[in-house]
Amino acid sequence: MELQTLKQRFGIIGTSEAMNRALEIAVKVAPTDLSVLVTGESGVGKEFFPQVIHACSSRKHNQYIAVNCGAIPEGTIDSELFGHEKGSFTGATEARKGYFEVADGGTIFLDEVAELPHSTQVRLLRVLQTGEFMRVGSSKVLKTNVRVVAATNISLQAAIADGRFREDLYYRLNTVPIEVPPLRERRGDIYLLFRKFAADVAVQYKMPSISLNDEARQMLESYYWRGNIRQLKNVAEQISAIEEARVITPQILSRYLPDQDGVKSVSVISSHNNRKSNDMSDERELLYKVLFDMKSDINDLKRMLAEALHQSPDSFYRQSPSEIKALLPTSSQSDDYEEVEQWDYSEDVTNETAARPAQTKADAQREQIIRALRNNNGRRRDAARDLFMSERTLYRKIKELGIKED
């Protein structure tokens, strides 16, 4: 199954290399029966990986059961996983199958596996080694054929050192490790996820979707996100429900991004790399703006030429260059057509621009910024908005490109 198809099927959003690598490992290991241990911080989306593994395996038509080991009381966890016989403990009024018996032939996902008590860890190790288990209160050995995928948000090696987790069980579970990256290491995915969560809220409650201006987007992508995707979703839902403004500014967003245990709201991690990435993004958007304006100028010129030749714009646009050339006056047919072919549309369209040399990227950026400043009477804030960049970035570009303002 292709990675993009897989993401669409399970609603996984993002293009980060670390996330793609984790998904690739899940797909490759799925056809086997090897145990998988998914690790990562709380809220990163570990629960998607056992679903992917099950769906891409030969077990996909059998049971898939997800068990939160931390949510089941220690006194009943053995009964939940392995079942019990009637009368085996107070309240056991009838025999009951456990998850390992019900999911025979399928997959069990053990979330928060580090929370299992020692006695249950021993039972689980036996299932992984031999496929055998016994119900609580029974001496009869039962067999099961279950694929186990486990997940944890803590270091199992540290838990082993503290005596809270069995080392032999760790190696049985960790046959194939998958590490899910935290959200702060997926900078390019943060805004995509936020936009998806905001759109979901808008559809669910029939309200206009919120959007972020450039400065707010930068703040969102620079935040540390200790709570990862779960926290990001919570913020998107809060803002959508509480704020009347639909365009969110940094002032509004900052109210929902508190400092976390001494970590500043806006992270300074990898600031050099982030700055470089932002610069490349700004330059790319500026070049797109140049191309869009050039296209607009060309269309205006075509429309003017069509009117001069008494042609409708639609029919005129469908004609080939040779057909257009035939419509021009004979006396100036050659010269005029060459002028149309070689026109430079990057600045004010005049006859003097016909023979201008090719522009560099810096030249194109300089002219676009100058044009935006002129159109807005030197107001940097308005010029920055027209250029799809922050005012701070515009200041830096003006300085870098040596633009002198009137």
Protein backbone atom coordinates (compact mmCIF):
# COMPACT_ATOMS: atom_id res chain seq x y z
CA MET A 1 0.00 0.00 0.00
CA GLU A 2 1.37 3.42 -0.95
CA LEU A 3 2.21 5.76 1.90
CA GLN A 4 -0.14 8.53 0.76
CA THR A 5 -3.03 6.08 0.38
CA LEU A 6 -2.30 4.76 3.86
CA LYS A 7 -2.36 8.27 5.33
CA GLN A 8 -5.69 9.06 3.69
CA ARG A 9 -7.21 5.82 4.92
CA PHE A 10 -6.25 6.40 8.56
CA GLY A 11 -6.50 10.19 8.58
CA ILE A 12 -2.76 10.67 9.20
CA ILE A 13 -1.66 14.20 8.31
CA GLY A 14 1.93 15.26 7.74
CA THR A 15 4.96 14.90 5.52
CA SER A 16 7.85 14.78 8.02
CA GLU A 17 10.58 12.27 7.23
CA ALA A 18 10.53 10.81 10.76
CA MET A 19 6.79 10.10 10.57
CA ASN A 20 7.10 8.65 7.06
CA ARG A 21 9.92 6.39 8.24
CA ALA A 22 7.83 5.13 11.18
CA LEU A 23 4.91 4.35 8.84
CA GLU A 24 7.22 2.56 6.39
CA ILE A 25 8.50 0.30 9.20
CA ALA A 26 4.90 -0.46 10.24
CA VAL A 27 3.95 -1.45 6.68
CA LYS A 28 7.06 -3.62 6.23
CA VAL A 29 6.62 -5.51 9.50
CA ALA A 30 2.85 -5.98 9.08
CA PRO A 31 2.97 -9.23 7.01
CA THR A 32 5.03 -10.93 9.75
CA ASP A 33 3.93 -12.03 13.23
CA LEU A 34 6.78 -10.25 15.02
CA SER A 35 5.97 -8.27 18.15
CA VAL A 36 6.22 -4.48 17.79
CA LEU A 37 6.94 -1.87 20.44
CA VAL A 38 5.77 1.66 19.62
CA THR A 39 7.45 4.37 21.68
CA GLY A 40 6.92 8.12 21.84
CA GLU A 41 5.66 10.90 24.06
CA SER A 42 2.06 11.09 25.18
CA GLY A 43 -0.23 12.51 22.52
CA VAL A 44 1.90 11.83 19.43
CA GLY A 45 -0.55 9.38 17.84
CA LYS A 46 0.96 5.99 18.75
CA GLU A 47 -2.49 4.39 18.54
CA PHE A 48 -2.51 4.66 14.73
CA PHE A 49 0.42 2.29 14.26
CA PRO A 50 -1.13 -0.95 15.58
CA GLN A 51 -4.17 -0.18 13.41
CA VAL A 52 -1.92 0.21 10.36
CA ILE A 53 -0.05 -3.00 11.20
CA HIS A 54 -3.30 -4.95 11.65
CA ALA A 55 -4.90 -3.56 8.47
CA CYS A 56 -1.84 -4.42 6.36
CA SER A 57 -1.47 -7.95 7.75
CA SER A 58 -3.08 -11.28 6.94
CA ARG A 59 -4.98 -10.94 10.24
CA LYS A 60 -6.99 -7.94 9.05
CA HIS A 61 -10.27 -9.90 8.84
CA ASN A 62 -9.97 -11.10 12.45
CA GLN A 63 -10.35 -9.29 15.78
CA TYR A 64 -8.40 -6.17 16.66
CA ILE A 65 -8.58 -5.28 20.36
CA ALA A 66 -7.00 -2.22 21.97
CA VAL A 67 -6.34 -2.42 25.72
CA ASN A 68 -5.29 0.50 27.90
CA CYS A 69 -3.24 -1.28 30.55
CA GLY A 70 -3.08 1.81 32.74
CA ALA A 71 -6.87 2.13 32.94
CA ILE A 72 -7.59 -1.36 34.33
CA PRO A 73 -7.25 -1.92 38.10
CA GLU A 74 -4.41 -4.22 39.14
CA GLY A 75 -6.83 -6.68 40.74
CA THR A 76 -8.77 -7.32 37.52
CA ILE A 77 -6.14 -6.92 34.77
CA ASP A 78 -5.36 -10.68 34.64
CA SER A 79 -9.04 -11.48 34.30
CA GLU A 80 -9.48 -8.89 31.54
CA LEU A 81 -6.53 -10.19 29.51
CA PHE A 82 -6.72 -13.95 30.11
CA GLY A 83 -10.29 -14.56 31.35
CA HIS A 84 -11.52 -16.33 34.49
CA GLU A 85 -13.55 -19.31 35.62
CA LYS A 86 -16.81 -19.14 37.54
CA GLY A 87 -16.21 -18.67 41.28
CA SER A 88 -12.51 -17.87 40.85
CA PHE A 89 -12.97 -14.67 42.86
CA THR A 90 -15.75 -12.69 44.51
CA GLY A 91 -18.14 -11.49 41.81
CA ALA A 92 -17.10 -14.10 39.24
CA THR A 93 -20.62 -15.45 38.75
CA GLU A 94 -19.82 -17.02 35.40
CA ALA A 95 -16.86 -17.98 33.25
CA ARG A 96 -15.51 -15.25 31.00
CA LYS A 97 -13.14 -15.20 28.05
CA GLY A 98 -10.23 -12.75 28.17
CA TYR A 99 -8.94 -10.56 25.37
CA PHE A 100 -6.24 -13.03 24.32
CA GLU A 101 -8.87 -15.74 23.85
CA VAL A 102 -11.35 -13.48 22.03
CA ALA A 103 -8.67 -12.08 19.71
CA ASP A 104 -7.34 -15.52 18.66
CA GLY A 105 -6.10 -15.10 15.07
CA GLY A 106 -6.11 -11.32 15.36
CA THR A 107 -4.13 -8.49 16.95
CA ILE A 108 -3.98 -7.06 20.48
CA PHE A 109 -2.71 -3.56 21.13
CA LEU A 110 -1.39 -3.12 24.67
CA ASP A 111 -1.23 0.62 25.30
CA GLU A 112 0.76 1.86 28.33
CA VAL A 113 2.27 -1.59 28.67
CA ALA A 114 4.71 -0.34 31.33
CA GLU A 115 1.77 -0.08 33.75
CA LEU A 116 1.28 -3.87 33.87
CA PRO A 117 1.90 -5.39 37.33
CA HIS A 118 4.71 -7.96 37.68
CA SER A 119 2.37 -10.96 37.90
CA THR A 120 0.70 -9.96 34.63
CA GLN A 121 4.08 -9.40 32.99
CA VAL A 122 4.95 -13.05 33.73
CA ARG A 123 1.69 -14.24 32.11
CA LEU A 124 2.26 -12.00 29.09
CA LEU A 125 5.81 -13.28 28.63
CA ARG A 126 4.51 -16.86 28.53
CA VAL A 127 1.94 -15.95 25.85
CA LEU A 128 4.62 -14.31 23.73
CA GLN A 129 7.00 -17.28 24.09
CA THR A 130 4.62 -20.21 23.71
CA GLY A 131 1.17 -18.87 22.84
CA GLU A 132 -0.14 -20.52 26.03
CA PHE A 133 -2.12 -19.05 28.93
CA MET A 134 -4.51 -20.06 31.68
CA ARG A 135 -7.68 -18.36 32.83
CA VAL A 136 -7.73 -17.03 36.38
CA GLY A 137 -8.88 -19.87 38.67
CA SER A 138 -8.19 -22.58 36.08
CA SER A 139 -5.42 -25.13 35.62
CA LYS A 140 -6.27 -25.83 32.00
CA VAL A 141 -3.73 -24.54 29.46
CA LEU A 142 -5.28 -22.75 26.50
CA LYS A 143 -3.62 -21.80 23.22
CA THR A 144 -3.94 -18.57 21.28
CA ASN A 145 -2.43 -17.18 18.12
CA VAL A 146 -2.33 -13.43 18.69
CA ARG A 147 -0.12 -10.68 17.27
CA VAL A 148 0.96 -8.30 20.06
CA VAL A 149 1.71 -4.62 19.46
CA ALA A 150 2.62 -2.67 22.59
CA ALA A 151 3.12 1.04 23.23
CA THR A 152 4.58 3.18 25.99
CA ASN A 153 5.42 6.82 26.60
CA ILE A 154 8.10 6.11 29.20
CA SER A 155 11.58 4.61 28.95
CA LEU A 156 11.25 0.87 29.54
CA GLN A 157 14.99 0.63 30.06
CA ALA A 158 14.68 3.06 32.95
CA ALA A 159 11.75 1.02 34.28
CA ILE A 160 13.93 -2.11 34.07
CA ALA A 161 16.68 -0.35 36.04
CA ASP A 162 14.11 0.59 38.68
CA GLY A 163 12.83 -2.98 38.88
CA ARG A 164 9.37 -2.05 37.55
CA PHE A 165 9.57 -3.95 34.25
CA ARG A 166 10.98 -7.36 33.31
CA GLU A 167 13.99 -7.22 31.00
CA ASP A 168 13.11 -10.50 29.27
CA LEU A 169 9.62 -9.18 28.50
CA TYR A 170 11.13 -5.99 27.11
CA TYR A 171 13.18 -7.92 24.55
CA ARG A 172 10.17 -10.02 23.59
CA LEU A 173 8.03 -6.95 22.97
CA ASN A 174 10.78 -4.91 21.34
CA THR A 175 11.45 -7.28 18.43
CA VAL A 176 10.68 -4.42 16.03
CA PRO A 177 10.84 -0.92 17.56
CA ILE A 178 8.93 2.02 16.07
CA GLU A 179 9.63 5.50 17.43
CA VAL A 180 6.98 8.16 16.81
CA PRO A 181 8.46 11.70 16.69
CA PRO A 182 7.11 14.46 18.95
CA LEU A 183 5.18 17.28 17.30
CA ARG A 184 7.96 19.86 17.86
CA GLU A 185 10.15 17.77 15.51
CA ARG A 186 7.46 17.93 12.81
CA ARG A 187 7.43 21.71 12.31
CA GLY A 188 6.08 21.47 8.77
CA ASP A 189 3.07 19.43 9.93
CA ILE A 190 1.90 21.68 12.78
CA TYR A 191 -0.08 24.17 10.69
CA LEU A 192 -1.57 21.39 8.54
CA LEU A 193 -2.85 19.62 11.65
CA PHE A 194 -4.16 22.84 13.19
CA ARG A 195 -6.06 23.70 10.01
CA LYS A 196 -7.57 20.20 9.90
CA PHE A 197 -8.75 20.37 13.54
CA ALA A 198 -10.18 23.88 13.03
CA ALA A 199 -12.03 22.74 9.90
CA ASP A 200 -13.47 19.72 11.73
CA VAL A 201 -14.85 21.96 14.48
CA ALA A 202 -16.31 24.36 11.90
CA VAL A 203 -18.11 21.54 10.10
CA GLN A 204 -19.34 19.88 13.29
CA TYR A 205 -20.79 23.05 14.81
CA LYS A 206 -21.65 24.87 11.56
CA MET A 207 -19.47 27.91 12.13
CA PRO A 208 -16.87 29.73 10.00
CA SER A 209 -13.44 28.15 10.27
CA ILE A 210 -10.65 30.10 11.96
CA SER A 211 -7.37 30.97 10.22
CA LEU A 212 -4.02 32.34 11.39
CA ASN A 213 -2.16 35.37 10.11
CA ASP A 214 1.53 35.00 9.29
CA GLU A 215 2.81 36.02 12.73
CA ALA A 216 0.38 33.71 14.52
CA ARG A 217 1.37 30.83 12.25
CA GLN A 218 5.05 31.39 13.09
CA MET A 219 4.18 31.41 16.79
CA LEU A 220 2.18 28.18 16.42
CA GLU A 221 5.04 26.41 14.63
CA SER A 222 7.65 27.62 17.14
CA TYR A 223 5.77 26.48 20.25
CA TYR A 224 7.25 23.55 22.21
CA TRP A 225 4.02 21.44 22.25
CA ARG A 226 4.72 19.33 25.31
CA GLY A 227 1.25 17.77 24.91
CA ASN A 228 1.90 17.10 21.19
CA ILE A 229 -1.02 16.52 18.80
CA ARG A 230 -3.52 16.13 21.63
CA GLN A 231 -2.63 19.59 22.93
CA LEU A 232 -2.70 21.13 19.43
CA LYS A 233 -6.19 19.75 18.84
CA ASN A 234 -7.33 21.09 22.19
CA VAL A 235 -6.03 24.58 21.33
CA ALA A 236 -7.70 24.57 17.90
CA GLU A 237 -11.03 23.57 19.44
CA GLN A 238 -10.82 26.12 22.24
CA ILE A 239 -10.05 29.02 19.92
CA SER A 240 -12.78 27.96 17.48
CA ALA A 241 -15.39 27.84 20.21
CA ILE A 242 -14.41 30.89 22.28
CA GLU A 243 -13.01 33.56 19.96
CA GLU A 244 -15.35 35.70 17.88
CA ALA A 245 -12.56 36.75 15.51
CA ARG A 246 -12.01 34.28 12.71
CA VAL A 247 -8.53 35.54 11.81
CA ILE A 248 -6.30 34.74 14.77
CA THR A 249 -3.43 37.07 15.68
CA PRO A 250 -0.41 36.35 17.90
CA GLN A 251 -2.08 38.30 20.71
CA ILE A 252 -5.09 35.97 20.63
CA LEU A 253 -3.06 32.80 20.14
CA SER A 254 -0.67 33.57 23.01
CA ARG A 255 -3.56 33.33 25.48
CA TYR A 256 -3.87 29.63 24.63
CA LEU A 257 -0.14 28.81 24.68
CA PRO A 258 1.02 29.09 28.31
CA ASP A 259 4.59 28.53 29.47
CA GLN A 260 5.22 24.91 30.36
CA ASP A 261 7.46 23.95 33.29
CA GLY A 262 10.01 26.64 32.55
CA VAL A 263 9.94 26.04 28.78
CA LYS A 264 9.06 29.26 27.01
CA SER A 265 5.96 29.32 24.84
CA VAL A 266 8.02 29.97 21.75
CA SER A 267 10.79 27.42 21.53
CA VAL A 268 14.32 28.41 20.56
CA ILE A 269 15.26 24.86 19.64
CA SER A 270 16.98 24.70 16.23
CA SER A 271 16.49 28.42 15.75
CA HIS A 272 19.16 28.60 13.06
CA ASN A 273 17.56 25.82 11.02
CA ASN A 274 14.08 27.29 11.51
CA ARG A 275 15.32 30.72 10.37
CA LYS A 276 16.85 29.19 7.26
CA SER A 277 13.65 27.26 6.52
CA ASN A 278 11.50 30.37 7.02
CA ASP A 279 13.77 32.40 4.72
CA MET A 280 13.43 29.80 1.97
CA SER A 281 9.65 29.76 2.41
CA ASP A 282 9.47 33.57 2.26
CA GLU A 283 11.57 33.69 -0.91
CA ARG A 284 9.47 30.99 -2.55
CA GLU A 285 6.21 32.82 -1.75
CA LEU A 286 7.69 36.09 -3.05
CA LEU A 287 8.69 34.45 -6.34
CA TYR A 288 5.20 32.99 -6.67
CA LYS A 289 3.85 36.49 -6.22
CA VAL A 290 6.17 37.74 -8.99
CA LEU A 291 4.94 35.03 -11.35
CA PHE A 292 1.27 35.69 -10.54
CA ASP A 293 1.73 39.41 -11.24
CA MET A 294 3.55 38.67 -14.50
CA LYS A 295 0.68 36.41 -15.55
CA SER A 296 -1.79 39.18 -14.71
CA ASP A 297 0.21 41.69 -16.78
CA ILE A 298 0.31 39.31 -19.74
CA ASN A 299 -3.46 38.76 -19.59
CA ASP A 300 -4.01 42.53 -19.46
CA LEU A 301 -1.82 42.95 -22.53
CA LYS A 302 -3.69 40.22 -24.39
CA ARG A 303 -7.00 41.86 -23.57
CA MET A 304 -5.76 45.26 -24.80
CA LEU A 305 -4.48 43.70 -28.03
CA ALA A 306 -7.76 41.87 -28.56
CA GLU A 307 -9.70 45.14 -28.20
CA ALA A 308 -7.36 46.90 -30.62
CA LEU A 309 -7.96 44.18 -33.22
CA HIS A 310 -11.73 44.15 -32.55
CA GLN A 311 -11.65 40.54 -31.35
CA SER A 312 -13.48 38.97 -28.44
CA PRO A 313 -10.99 38.00 -25.70
CA ASP A 314 -12.12 34.34 -25.59
CA SER A 315 -11.70 33.74 -29.32
CA PHE A 316 -8.49 35.78 -29.37
CA TYR A 317 -6.84 33.68 -26.63
CA ARG A 318 -7.55 30.47 -28.58
CA GLN A 319 -5.66 31.68 -31.65
CA SER A 320 -2.08 30.63 -32.33
CA PRO A 321 0.78 33.21 -32.52
CA SER A 322 0.86 32.91 -36.33
CA GLU A 323 -2.88 33.65 -36.54
CA ILE A 324 -2.46 36.69 -34.26
CA LYS A 325 0.46 37.89 -36.38
CA ALA A 326 -1.68 37.72 -39.52
CA LEU A 327 -4.18 40.12 -37.92
CA LEU A 328 -1.55 42.84 -37.36
CA PRO A 329 -1.14 45.69 -39.91
CA THR A 330 1.17 44.71 -42.78
CA SER A 331 3.41 47.79 -42.55
CA SER A 332 4.54 47.06 -39.03
CA GLN A 333 3.69 43.41 -38.83
CA SER A 334 7.16 42.04 -38.15
CA ASP A 335 8.44 44.68 -35.72
CA ASP A 336 5.26 44.86 -33.67
CA TYR A 337 4.97 41.12 -33.31
CA GLU A 338 8.56 40.80 -32.13
CA GLU A 339 7.86 43.45 -29.51
CA VAL A 340 4.91 41.47 -28.17
CA GLU A 341 6.99 38.29 -28.07
CA GLN A 342 9.94 39.79 -26.14
CA TRP A 343 8.13 42.08 -23.70
CA ASP A 344 9.41 42.08 -20.08
CA TYR A 345 6.43 42.27 -17.74
CA SER A 346 8.28 42.40 -14.40
CA GLU A 347 7.94 46.21 -13.96
CA ASP A 348 5.93 49.07 -15.50
CA VAL A 349 5.20 47.97 -19.08
CA THR A 350 6.90 50.40 -21.46
CA ASN A 351 8.65 50.13 -24.79
CA GLU A 352 12.04 50.64 -23.12
CA THR A 353 11.73 47.30 -21.28
CA ALA A 354 11.76 45.17 -24.39
CA ALA A 355 15.51 44.54 -24.39
CA ARG A 356 16.13 44.19 -20.65
CA PRO A 357 18.56 41.43 -19.56
CA ALA A 358 17.36 38.36 -17.65
CA GLN A 359 16.66 39.00 -13.98
CA THR A 360 18.24 37.22 -11.04
CA LYS A 361 16.13 36.01 -8.14
CA ALA A 362 17.31 38.95 -6.04
CA ASP A 363 16.36 41.39 -8.83
CA ALA A 364 12.87 39.92 -9.02
CA GLN A 365 12.43 40.15 -5.25
CA ARG A 366 13.73 43.74 -5.20
CA GLU A 367 11.33 44.89 -7.92
CA GLN A 368 8.38 43.13 -6.32
CA ILE A 369 9.05 44.78 -2.95
CA ILE A 370 9.51 48.21 -4.57
CA ARG A 371 6.23 47.77 -6.43
CA ALA A 372 4.38 46.78 -3.26
CA LEU A 373 5.80 49.78 -1.37
CA ARG A 374 4.79 52.13 -4.19
CA ASN A 375 1.29 50.71 -4.38
CA ASN A 376 0.86 51.24 -0.64
CA ASN A 377 2.50 54.70 -0.46
CA GLY A 378 5.44 53.32 1.51
CA ARG A 379 3.33 51.66 4.23
CA ARG A 380 5.34 48.60 5.15
CA ARG A 381 2.55 46.80 6.96
CA ASP A 382 0.24 46.95 3.91
CA ALA A 383 3.10 46.07 1.55
CA ALA A 384 3.98 43.03 3.65
CA ARG A 385 0.36 41.87 3.50
CA ASP A 386 0.35 42.15 -0.31
CA LEU A 387 3.60 40.16 -0.47
CA PHE A 388 2.25 37.37 1.80
CA MET A 389 5.03 37.82 4.37
CA SER A 390 5.40 39.19 7.87
CA GLU A 391 6.36 42.82 8.43
CA ARG A 392 9.53 41.71 10.18
CA THR A 393 10.54 39.63 7.15
CA LEU A 394 9.89 42.61 4.88
CA TYR A 395 12.20 44.78 7.03
CA ARG A 396 14.93 42.18 6.67
CA LYS A 397 14.46 41.86 2.91
CA ILE A 398 14.61 45.63 2.44
CA LYS A 399 17.92 45.69 4.29
CA GLU A 400 19.37 42.62 2.54
CA LEU A 401 18.44 43.84 -0.95
CA GLY A 402 19.61 47.41 -0.32
CA ILE A 403 16.26 48.99 -1.11
CA LYS A 404 16.14 52.73 -0.43
CA GLU A 405 12.74 54.00 0.57
CA ASP A 406 11.52 57.48 -0.33
